[in-house]
N, C-alpha and C. Protein backbone atom coordinates (compact mmCIF):
# COMPACT_ATOMS: atom_id res chain seq x y z
N UNK A 1 16.04 180.70 -49.08
CA UNK A 1 15.34 180.41 -50.28
C UNK A 1 16.17 179.70 -51.33
N UNK A 2 15.69 178.83 -51.90
CA UNK A 2 16.43 177.70 -52.85
C UNK A 2 16.34 178.35 -54.29
N UNK A 3 17.49 178.32 -54.99
CA UNK A 3 17.88 179.06 -56.07
C UNK A 3 17.03 178.19 -57.20
N UNK A 4 16.95 178.55 -58.21
CA UNK A 4 16.49 177.63 -59.41
C UNK A 4 17.42 176.77 -59.77
N UNK A 5 18.70 177.09 -59.86
CA UNK A 5 19.71 176.08 -60.08
C UNK A 5 19.76 174.83 -59.06
N UNK A 6 19.80 175.04 -58.05
CA UNK A 6 19.21 174.17 -56.74
C UNK A 6 18.44 173.22 -57.04
N UNK A 7 17.22 173.80 -57.16
CA UNK A 7 15.99 173.08 -57.62
C UNK A 7 16.27 171.92 -59.02
N UNK A 8 16.86 172.77 -59.87
CA UNK A 8 16.93 171.97 -61.16
C UNK A 8 18.12 170.90 -61.07
N UNK A 9 19.04 170.88 -60.18
CA UNK A 9 19.88 169.90 -59.51
C UNK A 9 18.85 169.00 -58.94
N UNK A 10 18.33 169.27 -57.98
CA UNK A 10 17.47 168.24 -57.21
C UNK A 10 16.67 167.43 -58.19
N UNK A 11 15.85 168.07 -59.22
CA UNK A 11 14.98 167.46 -60.12
C UNK A 11 16.11 166.55 -61.05
N UNK A 12 17.03 166.86 -61.46
CA UNK A 12 17.84 166.09 -62.25
C UNK A 12 18.29 164.82 -61.26
N UNK A 13 18.70 164.90 -60.30
CA UNK A 13 19.13 163.85 -59.08
C UNK A 13 17.83 162.86 -59.00
N UNK A 14 16.81 163.38 -58.79
CA UNK A 14 15.52 162.49 -58.59
C UNK A 14 15.14 161.81 -59.84
N UNK A 15 15.18 162.51 -60.95
CA UNK A 15 15.03 161.65 -62.45
C UNK A 15 16.13 160.64 -62.54
N UNK A 16 17.36 160.97 -62.27
CA UNK A 16 18.52 159.83 -62.55
C UNK A 16 18.26 158.59 -61.40
N UNK A 17 17.59 159.02 -60.22
CA UNK A 17 17.41 157.99 -59.21
C UNK A 17 16.32 156.98 -59.70
N UNK A 18 15.16 157.61 -60.19
CA UNK A 18 13.95 156.95 -60.62
C UNK A 18 14.61 156.19 -61.96
N UNK A 19 15.35 156.52 -62.80
CA UNK A 19 15.66 155.71 -63.94
C UNK A 19 16.68 154.63 -63.39
N UNK A 20 17.42 154.86 -62.55
CA UNK A 20 18.32 153.80 -61.94
C UNK A 20 17.43 152.61 -61.26
N UNK A 21 16.45 153.37 -60.27
CA UNK A 21 15.57 152.28 -59.58
C UNK A 21 14.89 151.36 -60.72
N UNK A 22 14.38 151.78 -61.86
CA UNK A 22 13.82 151.25 -62.71
C UNK A 22 14.80 150.28 -63.24
N UNK A 23 15.92 150.64 -63.76
CA UNK A 23 16.82 149.89 -64.60
C UNK A 23 17.23 148.29 -63.60
N UNK A 24 17.52 148.88 -62.29
CA UNK A 24 17.90 147.55 -61.43
C UNK A 24 16.60 146.65 -61.31
N UNK A 25 15.31 147.39 -61.19
CA UNK A 25 14.36 146.30 -61.21
C UNK A 25 14.45 145.61 -62.81
N UNK A 26 14.69 146.11 -63.63
CA UNK A 26 14.24 145.58 -64.78
C UNK A 26 15.52 144.50 -64.94
N UNK A 27 16.68 144.68 -64.64
CA UNK A 27 17.53 144.00 -64.73
C UNK A 27 17.70 142.76 -63.54
N UNK A 28 17.36 142.91 -62.61
CA UNK A 28 17.14 142.21 -61.56
C UNK A 28 15.95 141.03 -62.01
N UNK A 29 15.02 141.59 -62.75
CA UNK A 29 13.97 140.61 -63.18
C UNK A 29 14.44 139.56 -64.14
N UNK A 30 15.19 140.23 -64.97
CA UNK A 30 15.87 139.37 -65.96
C UNK A 30 16.70 138.09 -65.31
N UNK A 31 17.80 138.73 -64.57
CA UNK A 31 18.91 137.92 -63.95
C UNK A 31 18.21 136.85 -62.99
N UNK A 32 17.21 137.36 -62.08
CA UNK A 32 16.63 136.44 -60.92
C UNK A 32 16.07 135.40 -61.60
N UNK A 33 15.28 135.71 -62.75
CA UNK A 33 14.86 134.80 -63.41
C UNK A 33 15.32 133.55 -63.86
N UNK A 34 16.64 134.15 -64.67
CA UNK A 34 17.72 133.04 -64.99
C UNK A 34 18.30 132.22 -64.04
N UNK A 35 18.42 132.84 -62.90
CA UNK A 35 19.25 132.38 -61.73
C UNK A 35 18.72 133.01 -60.37
N UNK A 36 17.88 132.38 -59.64
CA UNK A 36 17.63 132.72 -58.26
C UNK A 36 18.91 133.33 -57.34
N UNK A 37 19.94 132.67 -57.80
CA UNK A 37 21.09 133.13 -56.92
C UNK A 37 22.11 134.29 -57.44
N UNK A 38 21.62 134.92 -58.52
CA UNK A 38 22.57 135.94 -58.99
C UNK A 38 23.05 137.03 -57.73
N UNK A 39 24.23 137.36 -58.11
CA UNK A 39 24.57 138.07 -56.91
C UNK A 39 24.23 139.76 -57.43
N UNK A 40 24.32 140.27 -56.25
CA UNK A 40 23.76 141.89 -55.94
C UNK A 40 24.91 142.64 -57.01
N UNK A 41 26.05 142.11 -56.90
CA UNK A 41 27.25 142.77 -57.84
C UNK A 41 26.85 142.83 -59.25
N UNK A 42 26.44 141.52 -59.57
CA UNK A 42 26.23 141.29 -61.02
C UNK A 42 24.87 142.05 -61.42
N UNK A 43 24.03 142.04 -60.75
CA UNK A 43 22.79 142.85 -61.08
C UNK A 43 23.21 144.25 -61.17
N UNK A 44 23.91 144.72 -60.30
CA UNK A 44 24.21 146.34 -60.34
C UNK A 44 25.15 146.59 -61.58
N UNK A 45 26.09 145.65 -61.92
CA UNK A 45 26.93 145.95 -63.01
C UNK A 45 26.08 145.78 -64.30
N UNK A 46 25.18 144.78 -64.65
CA UNK A 46 24.47 144.91 -65.74
C UNK A 46 23.33 146.08 -65.65
N UNK A 47 23.09 146.80 -64.52
CA UNK A 47 22.05 147.63 -64.63
C UNK A 47 22.87 148.67 -64.87
N UNK A 48 24.09 148.78 -64.96
CA UNK A 48 24.90 150.14 -65.30
C UNK A 48 25.01 151.16 -64.19
N UNK A 49 24.96 150.42 -62.77
CA UNK A 49 25.13 151.36 -61.85
C UNK A 49 26.18 150.67 -60.94
N UNK A 50 26.65 151.46 -59.83
CA UNK A 50 27.57 151.15 -58.74
C UNK A 50 26.98 150.39 -57.63
N UNK A 51 27.77 149.61 -56.89
CA UNK A 51 27.17 148.65 -56.00
C UNK A 51 26.34 149.70 -54.77
N UNK A 52 27.00 150.89 -54.44
CA UNK A 52 26.61 151.86 -53.56
C UNK A 52 25.04 152.31 -54.08
N UNK A 53 25.12 152.59 -55.37
CA UNK A 53 23.45 152.81 -55.77
C UNK A 53 22.53 151.74 -55.81
N UNK A 54 22.86 150.65 -55.91
CA UNK A 54 22.34 149.53 -55.55
C UNK A 54 21.64 149.35 -54.27
N UNK A 55 22.73 149.48 -53.42
CA UNK A 55 22.38 149.27 -52.14
C UNK A 55 21.56 150.61 -51.37
N UNK A 56 21.62 151.71 -52.33
CA UNK A 56 20.75 152.89 -51.47
C UNK A 56 19.43 152.61 -51.94
N UNK A 57 19.05 151.99 -53.14
CA UNK A 57 17.74 151.54 -53.59
C UNK A 57 17.30 150.48 -52.89
N UNK A 58 18.07 149.44 -52.57
CA UNK A 58 17.78 148.14 -51.95
C UNK A 58 18.86 147.59 -51.12
N UNK A 59 18.58 147.98 -49.93
CA UNK A 59 19.65 147.86 -48.73
C UNK A 59 19.80 146.34 -48.64
N UNK A 60 19.07 145.30 -48.97
CA UNK A 60 19.25 144.21 -48.77
C UNK A 60 18.80 143.30 -50.01
N UNK A 61 19.40 142.00 -50.27
CA UNK A 61 18.75 141.37 -51.37
C UNK A 61 17.73 140.86 -51.21
N UNK A 62 17.16 140.61 -49.99
CA UNK A 62 15.64 140.31 -49.95
C UNK A 62 14.96 141.63 -50.08
N UNK A 63 15.23 142.77 -50.07
CA UNK A 63 14.54 143.91 -50.34
C UNK A 63 14.30 143.99 -51.76
N UNK A 64 15.46 143.78 -52.53
CA UNK A 64 15.41 143.79 -53.89
C UNK A 64 14.53 142.55 -54.70
N UNK A 65 14.64 141.41 -54.12
CA UNK A 65 13.67 140.28 -54.70
C UNK A 65 12.25 140.69 -54.32
N UNK A 66 12.12 141.02 -53.36
CA UNK A 66 10.61 141.46 -53.16
C UNK A 66 10.05 142.74 -54.05
N UNK A 67 10.91 143.82 -54.21
CA UNK A 67 10.65 144.72 -55.17
C UNK A 67 10.55 144.31 -56.67
N UNK A 68 11.17 143.29 -56.87
CA UNK A 68 10.97 142.61 -58.35
C UNK A 68 9.49 142.03 -58.29
N UNK A 69 9.22 141.10 -57.16
CA UNK A 69 7.80 140.51 -57.27
C UNK A 69 6.95 141.47 -57.29
N UNK A 70 6.94 142.47 -56.50
CA UNK A 70 5.71 143.39 -56.18
C UNK A 70 5.80 144.32 -57.58
N UNK A 71 6.89 144.66 -58.31
CA UNK A 71 6.92 145.44 -59.48
C UNK A 71 6.30 144.45 -60.74
N UNK A 72 6.50 143.03 -60.66
CA UNK A 72 5.90 142.24 -61.70
C UNK A 72 4.38 142.36 -61.52
N UNK A 73 4.39 142.09 -60.57
CA UNK A 73 2.60 141.93 -60.13
C UNK A 73 1.76 143.23 -60.64
N UNK A 74 2.72 144.29 -60.12
CA UNK A 74 1.89 145.82 -60.62
C UNK A 74 1.63 145.96 -62.09
N UNK A 75 2.98 145.47 -62.76
CA UNK A 75 2.98 145.71 -64.09
C UNK A 75 1.79 144.60 -64.87
N UNK A 76 1.47 143.64 -64.17
CA UNK A 76 0.54 142.45 -64.77
C UNK A 76 -1.00 143.21 -64.57
N UNK A 77 -1.25 143.96 -63.28
CA UNK A 77 -2.24 144.55 -62.75
C UNK A 77 -2.39 145.56 -63.77
N UNK A 78 -1.53 146.47 -64.18
CA UNK A 78 -1.69 147.64 -65.01
C UNK A 78 -1.99 147.40 -66.33
N UNK A 79 -1.80 146.03 -66.66
CA UNK A 79 -1.81 145.59 -68.10
C UNK A 79 -3.11 145.14 -68.36
N UNK A 80 -4.10 144.98 -67.43
CA UNK A 80 -5.53 144.59 -67.66
C UNK A 80 -6.19 145.15 -68.69
N UNK A 81 -6.21 146.87 -68.37
CA UNK A 81 -7.06 147.47 -69.56
C UNK A 81 -6.66 147.36 -70.89
N UNK A 82 -5.38 147.47 -71.06
CA UNK A 82 -4.86 147.24 -72.35
C UNK A 82 -5.17 145.86 -73.06
N UNK A 83 -5.12 144.83 -72.05
CA UNK A 83 -5.39 143.49 -72.71
C UNK A 83 -7.14 143.31 -72.88
N UNK A 84 -7.85 143.87 -71.91
CA UNK A 84 -9.07 144.05 -72.48
C UNK A 84 -9.57 144.78 -73.71
N UNK A 85 -8.74 145.85 -74.02
CA UNK A 85 -9.08 146.65 -75.04
C UNK A 85 -8.62 146.12 -76.34
N UNK A 86 -7.67 145.22 -76.27
CA UNK A 86 -6.78 144.68 -77.46
C UNK A 86 -7.34 143.32 -77.78
N UNK A 87 -7.99 142.70 -76.90
CA UNK A 87 -8.22 140.94 -77.09
C UNK A 87 -9.90 140.89 -76.95
N UNK A 88 -10.14 139.92 -77.33
CA UNK A 88 -11.65 139.43 -76.98
C UNK A 88 -11.37 139.15 -75.36
N UNK A 89 -12.61 139.61 -74.69
CA UNK A 89 -12.21 139.20 -73.08
C UNK A 89 -12.15 137.79 -72.79
N UNK A 90 -12.52 137.02 -73.38
CA UNK A 90 -12.06 135.47 -72.79
C UNK A 90 -10.69 135.46 -73.09
N UNK A 91 -10.08 135.71 -74.30
CA UNK A 91 -8.70 135.66 -74.71
C UNK A 91 -7.66 136.49 -73.81
N UNK A 92 -8.35 137.61 -73.37
CA UNK A 92 -7.71 138.70 -72.35
C UNK A 92 -7.54 137.74 -70.90
N UNK A 93 -8.79 137.08 -70.70
CA UNK A 93 -8.69 136.44 -69.14
C UNK A 93 -7.84 135.34 -69.23
N UNK A 94 -7.74 134.65 -70.20
CA UNK A 94 -6.57 133.53 -70.40
C UNK A 94 -5.32 134.14 -70.36
N UNK A 95 -4.77 134.86 -71.32
CA UNK A 95 -3.72 135.53 -71.17
C UNK A 95 -3.27 135.82 -69.97
N UNK A 96 -4.13 136.68 -69.30
CA UNK A 96 -3.76 137.65 -68.04
C UNK A 96 -3.41 136.29 -66.93
N UNK A 97 -4.03 135.50 -66.84
CA UNK A 97 -3.93 134.44 -65.87
C UNK A 97 -2.78 133.53 -66.27
N UNK A 98 -2.47 133.20 -67.38
CA UNK A 98 -1.14 132.38 -67.93
C UNK A 98 0.09 133.50 -67.58
N UNK A 99 -0.08 134.86 -67.78
CA UNK A 99 1.26 135.63 -67.40
C UNK A 99 1.35 135.93 -65.87
N UNK A 100 -0.02 135.74 -65.07
CA UNK A 100 0.22 135.71 -63.65
C UNK A 100 0.92 134.54 -63.10
N UNK A 101 0.37 133.46 -63.59
CA UNK A 101 1.14 132.13 -63.34
C UNK A 101 2.34 132.18 -63.39
N UNK A 102 2.91 132.83 -64.66
CA UNK A 102 4.50 132.73 -64.92
C UNK A 102 5.35 133.33 -63.91
N UNK A 103 4.65 134.47 -63.69
CA UNK A 103 5.27 135.48 -62.56
C UNK A 103 5.42 134.74 -61.25
N UNK A 104 4.35 134.17 -60.94
CA UNK A 104 4.41 133.62 -59.50
C UNK A 104 5.24 132.25 -59.50
N UNK A 105 5.11 131.64 -60.81
CA UNK A 105 6.11 130.26 -60.70
C UNK A 105 7.65 130.69 -60.66
N UNK A 106 7.84 131.76 -61.36
CA UNK A 106 9.31 132.30 -61.24
C UNK A 106 9.66 132.71 -59.85
N UNK A 107 8.82 133.60 -59.20
CA UNK A 107 9.02 134.19 -57.92
C UNK A 107 10.52 134.62 -57.69
N UNK A 108 11.38 134.72 -58.88
CA UNK A 108 12.69 135.23 -58.50
C UNK A 108 13.30 134.98 -57.51
N UNK A 109 13.21 133.68 -56.80
CA UNK A 109 14.18 133.53 -55.95
C UNK A 109 13.25 133.77 -54.42
N UNK A 110 12.01 133.93 -54.52
CA UNK A 110 11.38 134.82 -53.35
C UNK A 110 11.53 133.68 -52.23
N UNK A 111 10.97 132.56 -52.46
CA UNK A 111 11.12 131.49 -51.20
C UNK A 111 12.46 130.93 -50.90
N UNK A 112 13.54 131.08 -51.63
CA UNK A 112 14.74 130.73 -50.96
C UNK A 112 15.41 132.13 -50.17
N UNK A 113 14.92 133.31 -50.52
CA UNK A 113 15.54 134.45 -50.26
C UNK A 113 14.86 135.06 -48.87
N UNK A 114 13.43 134.70 -48.97
CA UNK A 114 12.64 135.58 -47.70
C UNK A 114 11.98 134.63 -46.44
N UNK A 115 12.11 135.38 -45.73
CA UNK A 115 11.12 134.45 -44.44
C UNK A 115 10.02 134.43 -45.00
N UNK A 116 9.33 133.61 -44.27
CA UNK A 116 7.86 133.39 -44.40
C UNK A 116 7.01 134.65 -44.22
N UNK A 117 7.28 135.14 -43.40
CA UNK A 117 6.53 136.60 -42.88
C UNK A 117 6.71 137.52 -43.87
N UNK A 118 7.83 137.77 -44.84
CA UNK A 118 7.98 138.62 -45.87
C UNK A 118 7.08 138.34 -47.12
N UNK A 119 7.16 136.98 -47.21
CA UNK A 119 6.72 136.66 -48.40
C UNK A 119 5.23 136.75 -48.24
N UNK A 120 4.68 136.59 -47.06
CA UNK A 120 3.09 136.71 -46.76
C UNK A 120 2.85 138.28 -46.94
N UNK A 121 3.80 138.93 -46.56
CA UNK A 121 3.40 140.48 -46.51
C UNK A 121 3.28 140.88 -48.16
N UNK A 122 4.31 140.31 -48.57
CA UNK A 122 4.20 140.87 -50.27
C UNK A 122 2.91 140.15 -50.87
N UNK A 123 2.40 138.80 -50.46
CA UNK A 123 1.16 138.40 -51.17
C UNK A 123 0.24 139.31 -50.72
N UNK A 124 0.00 139.69 -49.34
CA UNK A 124 -0.98 140.53 -48.71
C UNK A 124 -0.95 141.85 -49.64
N UNK A 125 -0.05 142.59 -49.80
CA UNK A 125 0.08 143.90 -50.49
C UNK A 125 -0.58 143.67 -51.85
N UNK A 126 -0.19 142.72 -52.58
CA UNK A 126 -0.59 142.47 -53.88
C UNK A 126 -1.86 141.80 -54.33
N UNK A 127 -2.49 141.15 -53.26
CA UNK A 127 -3.74 140.69 -53.30
C UNK A 127 -4.83 141.50 -53.88
N UNK A 128 -4.96 142.56 -52.96
CA UNK A 128 -6.16 143.29 -53.52
C UNK A 128 -6.09 144.08 -54.83
N UNK A 129 -4.89 144.25 -55.36
CA UNK A 129 -5.01 144.71 -56.67
C UNK A 129 -5.16 143.66 -57.52
N UNK A 130 -4.75 142.53 -57.33
CA UNK A 130 -5.02 141.55 -58.22
C UNK A 130 -6.27 140.94 -58.04
N UNK A 131 -7.09 141.02 -57.31
CA UNK A 131 -8.45 140.86 -57.32
C UNK A 131 -9.40 141.82 -58.03
N UNK A 132 -9.00 142.77 -57.69
CA UNK A 132 -9.31 144.04 -58.60
C UNK A 132 -9.20 143.92 -60.30
N UNK A 133 -8.26 143.31 -60.49
CA UNK A 133 -7.82 143.13 -61.80
C UNK A 133 -8.71 141.89 -62.42
N UNK A 134 -8.82 140.81 -61.50
CA UNK A 134 -9.58 139.75 -61.73
C UNK A 134 -11.17 140.38 -62.08
N UNK A 135 -11.49 141.21 -61.25
CA UNK A 135 -13.01 141.51 -61.18
C UNK A 135 -13.20 142.51 -62.70
N UNK A 136 -12.23 143.31 -62.88
CA UNK A 136 -12.17 143.95 -64.30
C UNK A 136 -12.38 142.63 -65.27
N UNK A 137 -11.47 141.88 -65.53
CA UNK A 137 -11.65 140.96 -66.52
C UNK A 137 -13.09 139.90 -66.52
N UNK A 138 -13.54 139.84 -65.19
CA UNK A 138 -14.73 139.04 -65.21
C UNK A 138 -15.80 140.19 -65.93
N UNK A 139 -15.73 141.41 -65.44
CA UNK A 139 -16.83 142.48 -66.17
C UNK A 139 -16.68 142.38 -67.39
N UNK A 140 -15.57 142.20 -68.16
CA UNK A 140 -15.38 142.49 -69.29
C UNK A 140 -16.15 141.04 -70.13
N UNK A 141 -15.74 140.03 -69.49
CA UNK A 141 -16.42 138.82 -69.84
C UNK A 141 -17.75 138.83 -69.65
N UNK A 142 -18.51 139.24 -68.81
CA UNK A 142 -19.78 139.33 -68.59
C UNK A 142 -20.33 140.43 -69.49
N UNK A 143 -19.71 141.54 -69.75
CA UNK A 143 -20.27 142.32 -70.72
C UNK A 143 -20.18 141.73 -72.06
N UNK A 144 -19.39 140.89 -72.66
CA UNK A 144 -19.27 140.35 -73.79
C UNK A 144 -20.23 139.19 -73.78
N UNK A 145 -20.78 138.78 -72.71
CA UNK A 145 -21.82 137.26 -72.91
C UNK A 145 -20.85 136.17 -72.42
N UNK A 146 -19.67 135.99 -72.16
CA UNK A 146 -19.09 134.87 -72.49
C UNK A 146 -18.73 134.58 -70.91
N UNK A 147 -19.40 135.02 -69.89
CA UNK A 147 -19.42 134.37 -68.71
C UNK A 147 -20.65 135.10 -68.13
N UNK A 148 -21.26 134.35 -67.04
CA UNK A 148 -22.30 134.81 -66.39
C UNK A 148 -21.99 135.90 -65.12
N UNK A 149 -23.03 136.72 -64.70
CA UNK A 149 -22.56 137.62 -63.70
C UNK A 149 -22.67 136.72 -62.21
N UNK A 150 -22.02 137.36 -61.44
CA UNK A 150 -22.30 136.96 -60.06
C UNK A 150 -21.03 136.15 -59.57
N UNK A 151 -20.13 135.98 -60.28
CA UNK A 151 -19.01 135.58 -59.62
C UNK A 151 -18.07 136.32 -59.06
N UNK A 152 -17.64 135.86 -57.76
CA UNK A 152 -16.57 136.58 -56.96
C UNK A 152 -15.37 136.55 -57.45
N UNK A 153 -14.62 137.72 -58.02
CA UNK A 153 -13.46 137.57 -58.05
C UNK A 153 -12.38 136.90 -57.41
N UNK A 154 -12.41 136.93 -56.17
CA UNK A 154 -11.44 136.21 -55.25
C UNK A 154 -11.82 134.81 -55.16
N UNK A 155 -12.83 134.56 -55.56
CA UNK A 155 -13.24 132.83 -55.82
C UNK A 155 -12.14 132.55 -56.90
N UNK A 156 -12.62 133.25 -57.90
CA UNK A 156 -12.12 133.13 -59.37
C UNK A 156 -10.48 132.72 -59.01
N UNK A 157 -9.79 133.66 -58.31
CA UNK A 157 -8.64 133.78 -58.46
C UNK A 157 -8.03 132.47 -57.69
N UNK A 158 -8.85 132.08 -56.55
CA UNK A 158 -8.36 130.93 -55.80
C UNK A 158 -8.60 129.76 -56.65
N UNK A 159 -9.55 129.52 -57.28
CA UNK A 159 -9.71 128.54 -58.51
C UNK A 159 -8.62 128.22 -59.40
N UNK A 160 -7.98 129.41 -59.68
CA UNK A 160 -7.17 129.58 -61.02
C UNK A 160 -5.66 129.27 -60.22
N UNK A 161 -5.70 129.09 -58.66
CA UNK A 161 -4.38 129.11 -57.97
C UNK A 161 -3.94 127.60 -58.50
N UNK A 162 -4.15 126.69 -59.37
CA UNK A 162 -3.54 125.48 -59.93
C UNK A 162 -2.57 126.17 -60.74
N UNK A 163 -2.61 127.43 -61.59
CA UNK A 163 -1.75 127.75 -62.58
C UNK A 163 -0.39 127.77 -62.02
N UNK A 164 -0.08 128.19 -60.70
CA UNK A 164 1.22 128.04 -60.20
C UNK A 164 2.00 126.81 -59.96
N UNK A 165 1.08 125.93 -60.04
CA UNK A 165 1.61 124.40 -59.68
C UNK A 165 2.02 123.77 -60.77
N UNK A 166 1.52 124.07 -62.25
CA UNK A 166 2.17 123.39 -63.28
C UNK A 166 3.47 123.80 -63.75
N UNK A 167 4.12 122.90 -64.26
CA UNK A 167 5.63 123.02 -64.53
C UNK A 167 6.01 124.39 -65.38
N UNK A 168 7.15 124.88 -65.33
CA UNK A 168 7.32 126.09 -66.08
C UNK A 168 7.71 125.81 -67.62
N UNK A 169 7.67 124.22 -67.79
CA UNK A 169 8.33 123.99 -69.18
C UNK A 169 6.98 124.05 -70.22
N UNK A 170 7.41 123.80 -71.60
CA UNK A 170 6.24 123.69 -72.43
C UNK A 170 5.18 122.77 -72.17
N UNK A 171 5.40 121.62 -71.55
CA UNK A 171 4.37 120.71 -71.36
C UNK A 171 3.42 121.40 -70.10
N UNK A 172 4.14 121.92 -69.22
CA UNK A 172 3.40 122.61 -68.07
C UNK A 172 2.36 123.82 -68.63
N UNK A 173 3.25 124.50 -69.42
CA UNK A 173 2.42 125.82 -69.91
C UNK A 173 1.22 125.24 -71.03
N UNK A 174 1.38 124.31 -71.57
CA UNK A 174 0.18 123.61 -72.35
C UNK A 174 -0.80 122.84 -71.51
N UNK A 175 -0.19 122.40 -70.28
CA UNK A 175 -1.27 121.86 -69.25
C UNK A 175 -2.10 122.89 -68.60
N UNK A 176 -1.57 124.02 -68.24
CA UNK A 176 -1.98 125.23 -67.86
C UNK A 176 -3.02 125.80 -68.76
N UNK A 177 -2.89 125.81 -69.98
CA UNK A 177 -3.79 126.23 -71.19
C UNK A 177 -4.90 125.61 -71.04
N UNK A 178 -4.88 124.29 -71.00
CA UNK A 178 -6.14 123.17 -70.89
C UNK A 178 -6.66 123.50 -69.72
N UNK A 179 -6.30 123.73 -68.74
CA UNK A 179 -6.78 124.00 -67.50
C UNK A 179 -7.63 124.95 -67.22
N UNK A 180 -7.08 126.10 -67.95
CA UNK A 180 -7.41 127.31 -67.94
C UNK A 180 -8.91 127.33 -68.73
N UNK A 181 -9.15 126.64 -69.81
CA UNK A 181 -10.08 126.49 -70.64
C UNK A 181 -11.27 125.60 -69.86
N UNK A 182 -10.80 124.66 -69.09
CA UNK A 182 -11.73 123.95 -68.45
C UNK A 182 -12.51 124.80 -67.35
N UNK A 183 -11.51 125.54 -66.72
CA UNK A 183 -12.14 126.52 -65.52
C UNK A 183 -12.97 127.45 -66.27
N UNK A 184 -12.64 127.93 -67.53
CA UNK A 184 -13.63 129.20 -68.06
C UNK A 184 -14.90 128.59 -68.79
N UNK A 185 -14.72 127.24 -69.42
CA UNK A 185 -15.91 126.58 -69.61
C UNK A 185 -16.74 126.68 -68.49
N UNK A 186 -16.32 126.19 -67.26
CA UNK A 186 -17.34 126.09 -66.04
C UNK A 186 -18.08 127.27 -65.77
N UNK A 187 -17.11 128.53 -65.86
CA UNK A 187 -17.65 129.56 -65.18
C UNK A 187 -18.51 130.20 -66.52
N UNK A 188 -18.33 129.96 -67.52
CA UNK A 188 -19.18 130.40 -68.84
C UNK A 188 -20.64 129.76 -68.60
N UNK A 189 -20.75 128.53 -68.17
CA UNK A 189 -21.93 127.86 -68.47
C UNK A 189 -22.95 127.62 -67.33
N UNK A 190 -22.31 127.93 -65.98
CA UNK A 190 -23.13 127.38 -64.97
C UNK A 190 -23.31 128.95 -63.97
N UNK A 191 -24.56 129.10 -63.29
CA UNK A 191 -24.62 130.09 -62.48
C UNK A 191 -24.10 130.03 -61.16
N UNK A 192 -23.41 130.93 -60.80
CA UNK A 192 -22.37 130.83 -59.56
C UNK A 192 -23.42 130.38 -58.10
N UNK A 193 -23.10 129.82 -57.37
CA UNK A 193 -24.11 129.66 -56.20
C UNK A 193 -24.16 130.44 -55.17
């Protein structure tokens, strides 16, 4: 039988492991955005953990980069409800897609670090939650009367794919805003086929 002190020790260790995991992801997000070639040792040091702790959570660089990508996309998916609650639906739609494009453009070195099959697996795992988030945004816009009903969220996501092609600089971001407005105006004023 497990004693209360043993259970307490395990619970403390699990909380510490969860904190370390989150710290590593946050630091890796920032460092890999600055430089896709940031070293695992640099990430561990900035996260305040030892290399052994980093490698227990993420046994390879590819595993860490993939986890950062998935974590970023999940944060964005989780942010939809708050964006809809705190902004006008069309503003939430535009802001959400701009943030998604930013994440995808950065990719934290995914292209350089992972094989095509691993990248495709990451995209496949995040696709359904992203489409569900787009559906929420569209539903809010339909309820507000700013978009006609009937658009397929997967179609809208595909149309918005241009966003990850614009440059990451200010000119690219401005171009992205203009193009989002063009798409939004298109789905606002026409019945879907």
